[in-house]
Amino acid sequence: MSVYEHVGPNRVRTPSGSELELVGRAGLVLYRDGERLEVDSEMLDPPMTIAVYVRSVPSFAAVPARSVLDEIVAALKWMGFTVELIGALA
């Protein structure tokens, strides 16, 4: 797969086949390689701006947190969001 696509009202499939879901005004879930990764975020003003709390980005054996974060940011930007990263990876 080489394109992003909407697979639900608040859900997008990435080129890698992962899916990112916005959960209300706060929270994201990335479904990747059979894992459900919850990430802290919140909608900001102006509209279509979202803060992602970097330290909440999990990593798992095969994928470092930086890769997970990059995938989340790319998907959010494709959805039309301006992304603010809060904090730094540990």
Protein backbone atom coordinates (compact mmCIF):
# COMPACT_ATOMS: atom_id res chain seq x y z
CA MET A 1 0.00 0.00 0.00
CA SER A 2 1.42 3.41 -0.85
CA VAL A 3 -1.33 5.87 0.09
CA TYR A 4 -3.27 7.00 3.13
CA GLU A 5 -7.00 6.29 3.27
CA HIS A 6 -9.89 6.99 5.59
CA VAL A 7 -11.30 3.77 7.05
CA GLY A 8 -13.74 5.41 9.46
CA PRO A 9 -14.89 8.85 10.56
CA ASN A 10 -11.87 9.35 12.85
CA ARG A 11 -9.59 6.64 11.53
CA VAL A 12 -6.96 6.54 8.79
CA ARG A 13 -4.87 3.70 7.36
CA THR A 14 -1.21 4.55 6.74
CA PRO A 15 0.91 3.34 3.83
CA SER A 16 2.44 0.69 6.13
CA GLY A 17 -1.01 -0.73 6.89
CA SER A 18 -1.20 0.63 10.44
CA GLU A 19 -4.33 2.51 11.48
CA LEU A 20 -4.52 5.71 13.53
CA GLU A 21 -7.74 6.54 15.36
CA LEU A 22 -8.59 9.84 17.05
CA VAL A 23 -10.45 9.14 20.28
CA GLY A 24 -12.61 12.15 21.08
CA ARG A 25 -10.87 15.44 21.90
CA ALA A 26 -8.07 13.70 23.78
CA GLY A 27 -6.22 10.55 22.85
CA LEU A 28 -4.99 8.62 19.86
CA VAL A 29 -4.74 4.90 19.23
CA LEU A 30 -2.31 3.44 16.72
CA TYR A 31 -3.04 -0.11 15.63
CA ARG A 32 0.25 -1.52 14.37
CA ASP A 33 1.44 -5.08 13.86
CA GLY A 34 -1.38 -6.48 15.99
CA GLU A 35 -0.65 -4.06 18.85
CA ARG A 36 -2.96 -1.34 20.20
CA LEU A 37 -0.80 1.64 21.19
CA GLU A 38 -2.47 4.44 23.17
CA VAL A 39 -0.95 7.91 22.91
CA ASP A 40 -1.88 11.00 24.93
CA SER A 41 -2.96 13.98 22.86
CA GLU A 42 -5.42 16.84 22.92
CA MET A 43 -7.11 19.14 20.46
CA LEU A 44 -5.99 22.75 20.64
CA ASP A 45 -7.15 26.13 19.44
CA PRO A 46 -6.95 27.06 16.57
CA PRO A 47 -9.04 24.25 15.09
CA MET A 48 -7.25 21.38 13.39
CA THR A 49 -4.31 21.68 15.77
CA ILE A 50 -3.38 18.74 17.98
CA ALA A 51 -0.78 18.32 20.71
CA VAL A 52 0.89 14.93 20.98
CA TYR A 53 2.60 14.15 24.28
CA VAL A 54 5.80 12.53 23.12
CA ARG A 55 6.62 10.67 26.34
CA SER A 56 3.35 8.78 26.08
CA VAL A 57 4.42 7.20 22.77
CA PRO A 58 5.16 3.55 23.49
CA SER A 59 7.74 1.46 21.74
CA PHE A 60 7.73 -2.27 21.41
CA ALA A 61 10.35 -4.84 20.54
CA ALA A 62 10.41 -4.45 16.75
CA VAL A 63 9.65 -0.72 16.47
CA PRO A 64 11.33 2.16 18.33
CA ALA A 65 9.24 5.02 19.75
CA ARG A 66 10.71 7.45 17.17
CA SER A 67 9.29 5.36 14.32
CA VAL A 68 5.89 5.19 16.02
CA LEU A 69 5.91 8.96 16.57
CA ASP A 70 6.92 9.65 12.96
CA GLU A 71 4.07 7.49 11.69
CA ILE A 72 1.54 9.24 13.95
CA VAL A 73 2.69 12.73 12.92
CA ALA A 74 2.63 11.87 9.21
CA ALA A 75 -0.91 10.46 9.47
CA LEU A 76 -2.18 13.48 11.41
CA LYS A 77 -0.66 15.88 8.88
CA TRP A 78 -2.28 13.89 6.06
CA MET A 79 -5.61 14.31 7.90
CA GLY A 80 -5.06 18.09 7.83
CA PHE A 81 -3.86 18.68 11.38
CA THR A 82 -1.10 20.98 12.54
CA VAL A 83 0.87 18.90 15.05
CA GLU A 84 2.61 20.23 18.15
CA LEU A 85 4.95 17.81 19.88
CA ILE A 86 5.07 18.28 23.65
CA GLY A 87 8.17 16.93 25.43
CA ALA A 88 10.92 14.68 24.15
CA LEU A 89 11.47 10.97 23.83
CA ALA A 90 13.11 9.40 26.85
